């Protein structure tokens, strides 16, 4: 479960960096990359939530 938490943080950091570059350089590519990173963070959050529920059922 720790891995999922770190991956969520990683994807959010990447998305904020891409959004920062988008506003600085106004490049559409950075906006697309930020969207992909936010989607990755959402997927990792779902994986973390499912793993947390499975761990709670085991205990």
C-alpha atoms as a PDB file:
ATOM      1  CA  UNK A   1       0.000   0.000   0.000  1.00  0.00           C
ATOM      2  CA  UNK A   2       2.944   2.341   0.533  1.00  0.00           C
ATOM      3  CA  UNK A   3       3.834   2.052  -3.139  1.00  0.00           C
ATOM      4  CA  UNK A   4       0.395   3.236  -4.187  1.00  0.00           C
ATOM      5  CA  UNK A   5       0.644   6.273  -1.888  1.00  0.00           C
ATOM      6  CA  UNK A   6       4.020   7.260  -3.322  1.00  0.00           C
ATOM      7  CA  UNK A   7       2.774   6.780  -6.877  1.00  0.00           C
ATOM      8  CA  UNK A   8      -0.193   9.083  -6.188  1.00  0.00           C
ATOM      9  CA  UNK A   9       2.181  11.761  -4.885  1.00  0.00           C
ATOM     10  CA  UNK A  10       4.523  11.227  -7.851  1.00  0.00           C
ATOM     11  CA  UNK A  11       1.758  11.615 -10.422  1.00  0.00           C
ATOM     12  CA  UNK A  12       0.389  14.712  -8.688  1.00  0.00           C
ATOM     13  CA  UNK A  13       3.857  16.291  -8.617  1.00  0.00           C
ATOM     14  CA  UNK A  14       4.322  15.571 -12.322  1.00  0.00           C
ATOM     15  CA  UNK A  15       0.918  17.066 -13.126  1.00  0.00           C
ATOM     16  CA  UNK A  16       1.675  20.247 -11.148  1.00  0.00           C
ATOM     17  CA  UNK A  17       5.051  20.589 -12.876  1.00  0.00           C
ATOM     18  CA  UNK A  18       3.401  20.165 -16.277  1.00  0.00           C
ATOM     19  CA  UNK A  19       0.701  22.690 -15.396  1.00  0.00           C
ATOM     20  CA  UNK A  20       3.375  25.146 -14.255  1.00  0.00           C
ATOM     21  CA  UNK A  21       5.219  24.790 -17.550  1.00  0.00           C
ATOM     22  CA  UNK A  22       1.916  25.178 -19.383  1.00  0.00           C
ATOM     23  CA  UNK A  23       1.209  28.515 -17.720  1.00  0.00           C
ATOM     24  CA  UNK A  24       4.812  29.683 -18.180  1.00  0.00           C
ATOM     25  CA  UNK A  25       5.233  28.619 -21.786  1.00  0.00           C
ATOM     26  CA  UNK A  26       1.587  28.160 -22.801  1.00  0.00           C
ATOM     27  CA  UNK A  27       2.386  24.931 -24.601  1.00  0.00           C
ATOM     28  CA  UNK A  28      -0.512  22.626 -25.350  1.00  0.00           C
ATOM     29  CA  UNK A  29       1.742  19.580 -24.972  1.00  0.00           C
ATOM     30  CA  UNK A  30       2.289  20.355 -21.275  1.00  0.00           C
ATOM     31  CA  UNK A  31      -1.462  20.597 -20.733  1.00  0.00           C
ATOM     32  CA  UNK A  32      -1.923  17.188 -22.343  1.00  0.00           C
ATOM     33  CA  UNK A  33       0.878  15.704 -20.219  1.00  0.00           C
ATOM     34  CA  UNK A  34      -0.678  17.198 -17.078  1.00  0.00           C
ATOM     35  CA  UNK A  35      -3.988  15.576 -17.982  1.00  0.00           C
ATOM     36  CA  UNK A  36      -2.296  12.219 -18.458  1.00  0.00           C
ATOM     37  CA  UNK A  37      -0.514  12.584 -15.109  1.00  0.00           C
ATOM     38  CA  UNK A  38      -3.775  13.476 -13.353  1.00  0.00           C
ATOM     39  CA  UNK A  39      -5.403  10.430 -14.906  1.00  0.00           C
ATOM     40  CA  UNK A  40      -2.493   8.315 -13.603  1.00  0.00           C
ATOM     41  CA  UNK A  41      -2.956   9.783 -10.124  1.00  0.00           C
ATOM     42  CA  UNK A  42      -6.659   8.925 -10.258  1.00  0.00           C
ATOM     43  CA  UNK A  43      -5.907   5.327 -11.289  1.00  0.00           C
ATOM     44  CA  UNK A  44      -3.318   4.971  -8.514  1.00  0.00           C
ATOM     45  CA  UNK A  45      -5.814   6.379  -6.000  1.00  0.00           C
ATOM     46  CA  UNK A  46      -8.340   3.747  -7.053  1.00  0.00           C
ATOM     47  CA  UNK A  47      -5.694   1.009  -6.727  1.00  0.00           C
ATOM     48  CA  UNK A  48      -4.789   2.299  -3.252  1.00  0.00           C
ATOM     49  CA  UNK A  49      -8.428   2.372  -2.156  1.00  0.00           C
ATOM     50  CA  UNK A  50      -9.033  -1.182  -3.391  1.00  0.00           C
ATOM     51  CA  UNK A  51      -5.847  -2.443  -1.708  1.00  0.00           C
ATOM     52  CA  UNK A  52      -6.821  -0.708   1.534  1.00  0.00           C
ATOM     53  CA  UNK A  53     -10.268  -2.330   1.489  1.00  0.00           C
ATOM     54  CA  UNK A  54      -8.770  -5.754   0.771  1.00  0.00           C
ATOM     55  CA  UNK A  55      -6.304  -5.314   3.638  1.00  0.00           C
ATOM     56  CA  UNK A  56      -9.126  -4.307   5.995  1.00  0.00           C
ATOM     57  CA  UNK A  57     -11.111  -7.439   5.061  1.00  0.00           C
ATOM     58  CA  UNK A  58      -8.117  -9.673   5.838  1.00  0.00           C
ATOM     59  CA  UNK A  59      -7.732  -8.257   9.345  1.00  0.00           C
END
